[in-house]
C-alpha atoms as a PDB file:
ATOM      1  CA  MET A   1       7.003   4.868  12.180  1.00  0.00           C
ATOM      2  CA  ALA A   2       7.460   7.503  14.419  1.00  0.00           C
ATOM      3  CA  GLY A   3       4.118   9.676  14.975  1.00  0.00           C
ATOM      4  CA  THR A   4       2.084   7.394  13.546  1.00  0.00           C
ATOM      5  CA  ARG A   5      -0.108   5.008  14.864  1.00  0.00           C
ATOM      6  CA  GLN A   6       0.123   1.225  12.793  1.00  0.00           C
ATOM      7  CA  VAL A   7      -2.753  -0.629  12.905  1.00  0.00           C
ATOM      8  CA  ALA A   8      -2.182  -4.404  15.131  1.00  0.00           C
ATOM      9  CA  PRO A   9      -1.745  -6.812  13.118  1.00  0.00           C
ATOM     10  CA  ASP A  10      -4.269  -9.206  14.381  1.00  0.00           C
ATOM     11  CA  ALA A  11      -6.790  -6.194  13.750  1.00  0.00           C
ATOM     12  CA  LEU A  12      -6.908  -6.238  10.078  1.00  0.00           C
ATOM     13  CA  THR A  13      -9.158  -6.961   7.863  1.00  0.00           C
ATOM     14  CA  GLU A  14      -8.354  -9.293   5.635  1.00  0.00           C
ATOM     15  CA  SER A  15      -8.516  -6.838   2.638  1.00  0.00           C
ATOM     16  CA  GLU A  16      -5.758  -5.348   4.526  1.00  0.00           C
ATOM     17  CA  THR A  17      -3.434  -8.057   4.964  1.00  0.00           C
ATOM     18  CA  THR A  18      -3.646  -8.271   1.492  1.00  0.00           C
ATOM     19  CA  LEU A  19      -3.123  -5.413   0.511  1.00  0.00           C
ATOM     20  CA  LEU A  20       0.396  -4.712   2.909  1.00  0.00           C
ATOM     21  CA  THR A  21       1.484  -8.238   1.214  1.00  0.00           C
ATOM     22  CA  ALA A  22       0.373  -7.175  -2.269  1.00  0.00           C
ATOM     23  CA  LEU A  23       2.564  -3.214  -2.190  1.00  0.00           C
ATOM     24  CA  ARG A  24       5.370  -5.487   0.055  1.00  0.00           C
ATOM     25  CA  SER A  25       5.232  -8.028  -3.167  1.00  0.00           C
ATOM     26  CA  ALA A  26       4.823  -5.664  -5.405  1.00  0.00           C
ATOM     27  CA  ASP A  27       8.506  -3.102  -3.642  1.00  0.00           C
ATOM     28  CA  PRO A  28      10.026  -4.758  -2.059  1.00  0.00           C
ATOM     29  CA  SER A  29      12.780  -1.725  -1.266  1.00  0.00           C
ATOM     30  CA  CYS A  30       9.708   0.189   0.280  1.00  0.00           C
ATOM     31  CA  LYS A  31       8.395  -0.223   3.990  1.00  0.00           C
ATOM     32  CA  VAL A  32       4.940   0.208   3.790  1.00  0.00           C
ATOM     33  CA  ALA A  33       2.526   0.388   7.185  1.00  0.00           C
ATOM     34  CA  LEU A  34      -1.317   0.139   7.451  1.00  0.00           C
ATOM     35  CA  CYS A  35      -1.688   3.256  10.428  1.00  0.00           C
ATOM     36  CA  GLU A  36      -5.006   4.489  11.637  1.00  0.00           C
ATOM     37  CA  GLY A  37      -7.083   6.810  10.022  1.00  0.00           C
ATOM     38  CA  HIS A  38      -8.508   8.565   7.106  1.00  0.00           C
ATOM     39  CA  GLY A  39      -5.980  11.318   5.828  1.00  0.00           C
ATOM     40  CA  LYS A  40      -3.006  11.304   2.940  1.00  0.00           C
ATOM     41  CA  VAL A  41      -0.867   8.551   2.066  1.00  0.00           C
ATOM     42  CA  ARG A  42       2.349  10.618   3.286  1.00  0.00           C
ATOM     43  CA  THR A  43       6.356   8.890   3.294  1.00  0.00           C
ATOM     44  CA  SER A  44       8.534   8.875   6.996  1.00  0.00           C
ATOM     45  CA  SER A  45      11.347   8.488   7.625  1.00  0.00           C
ATOM     46  CA  GLY A  46      10.337   4.510   8.534  1.00  0.00           C
ATOM     47  CA  GLY A  47       8.259   4.092   4.986  1.00  0.00           C
ATOM     48  CA  LEU A  48       5.138   4.718   3.656  1.00  0.00           C
ATOM     49  CA  VAL A  49       2.399   5.406   6.324  1.00  0.00           C
ATOM     50  CA  VAL A  50      -0.889   4.273   4.311  1.00  0.00           C
ATOM     51  CA  PRO A  51      -4.091   5.551   6.100  1.00  0.00           C
ATOM     52  CA  ARG A  52      -6.639   2.392   6.347  1.00  0.00           C
ATOM     53  CA  ARG A  53      -9.608   4.745   6.364  1.00  0.00           C
ATOM     54  CA  ASN A  54      -8.003   6.832   3.119  1.00  0.00           C
ATOM     55  CA  PRO A  55     -11.051   6.013   0.607  1.00  0.00           C
ATOM     56  CA  LEU A  56      -8.023   5.203  -2.285  1.00  0.00           C
ATOM     57  CA  THR A  57      -6.586   2.720   0.365  1.00  0.00           C
ATOM     58  CA  VAL A  58      -9.750   1.381   0.887  1.00  0.00           C
ATOM     59  CA  ALA A  59     -10.857   0.645  -2.996  1.00  0.00           C
ATOM     60  CA  GLY A  60      -6.907  -0.842  -3.198  1.00  0.00           C
ATOM     61  CA  ALA A  61      -7.684  -3.051  -0.580  1.00  0.00           C
ATOM     62  CA  GLU A  62     -11.000  -4.778  -2.480  1.00  0.00           C
ATOM     63  CA  CYS A  63      -8.586  -4.642  -5.957  1.00  0.00           C
ATOM     64  CA  VAL A  64      -6.007  -5.919  -4.576  1.00  0.00           C
ATOM     65  CA  ARG A  65      -8.086  -8.757  -2.631  1.00  0.00           C
ATOM     66  CA  GLY A  66      -9.920 -10.015  -5.903  1.00  0.00           C
ATOM     67  CA  ASP A  67      -6.074  -9.421  -7.453  1.00  0.00           C
ATOM     68  CA  PRO A  68      -2.951  -8.953  -6.276  1.00  0.00           C
ATOM     69  CA  SER A  69      -1.110  -8.557  -9.655  1.00  0.00           C
ATOM     70  CA  TRP A  70      -3.326  -5.000  -9.148  1.00  0.00           C
ATOM     71  CA  ALA A  71      -0.430  -3.816  -6.849  1.00  0.00           C
ATOM     72  CA  TYR A  72       1.600  -1.269  -9.347  1.00  0.00           C
ATOM     73  CA  PRO A  73      -1.678   0.561 -10.217  1.00  0.00           C
ATOM     74  CA  VAL A  74      -3.239   1.175  -6.412  1.00  0.00           C
ATOM     75  CA  LEU A  75       0.487   2.404  -5.258  1.00  0.00           C
ATOM     76  CA  LEU A  76       0.614   5.035  -9.127  1.00  0.00           C
ATOM     77  CA  ALA A  77      -2.672   5.537  -7.310  1.00  0.00           C
ATOM     78  CA  LEU A  78      -1.605   6.018  -4.015  1.00  0.00           C
ATOM     79  CA  ASP A  79       0.418   8.886  -5.176  1.00  0.00           C
ATOM     80  CA  THR A  80       3.589   7.947  -2.807  1.00  0.00           C
ATOM     81  CA  GLY A  81       5.086  11.234  -4.502  1.00  0.00           C
ATOM     82  CA  GLU A  82       7.940   8.095  -4.323  1.00  0.00           C
ATOM     83  CA  THR A  83       9.175   6.726  -8.138  1.00  0.00           C
ATOM     84  CA  LEU A  84       8.430   3.614  -8.785  1.00  0.00           C
ATOM     85  CA  PRO A  85      11.085   0.926  -9.593  1.00  0.00           C
ATOM     86  CA  GLU A  86      11.115   0.423 -14.019  1.00  0.00           C
ATOM     87  CA  ALA A  87      10.825  -3.581 -13.414  1.00  0.00           C
ATOM     88  CA  LEU A  88       7.918  -3.255 -11.086  1.00  0.00           C
ATOM     89  CA  ARG A  89       5.730  -0.929 -14.495  1.00  0.00           C
ATOM     90  CA  GLU A  90       7.055  -3.529 -17.117  1.00  0.00           C
ATOM     91  CA  LEU A  91       6.137  -6.402 -14.876  1.00  0.00           C
ATOM     92  CA  TRP A  92       2.353  -5.326 -14.960  1.00  0.00           C
ATOM     93  CA  ARG A  93       2.051  -4.256 -18.310  1.00  0.00           C
ATOM     94  CA  ARG A  94       2.485  -7.709 -19.013  1.00  0.00           C
ATOM     95  CA  LEU A  95       0.247  -8.832 -17.186  1.00  0.00           C
END
């Protein structure tokens, strides 16, 4: 992702790795990168840029670490500005 400093895979915490895995699984069409910083989640030409120190990112990582099925509500909380797939919402509602 141009213009952002992605966190190296070996520098990710267990919670951050679980968060990325859950978000990527929840919406495979969306490319997600965890980057340094604490600003807002934003979309770039390369996909979704999620700052690792953003309070919602930190809380979301803990949520999905406890239960990966919370990826959909975490995506909503991150307020990506993107429309999430209807199938993803329906899948979460059935859990």
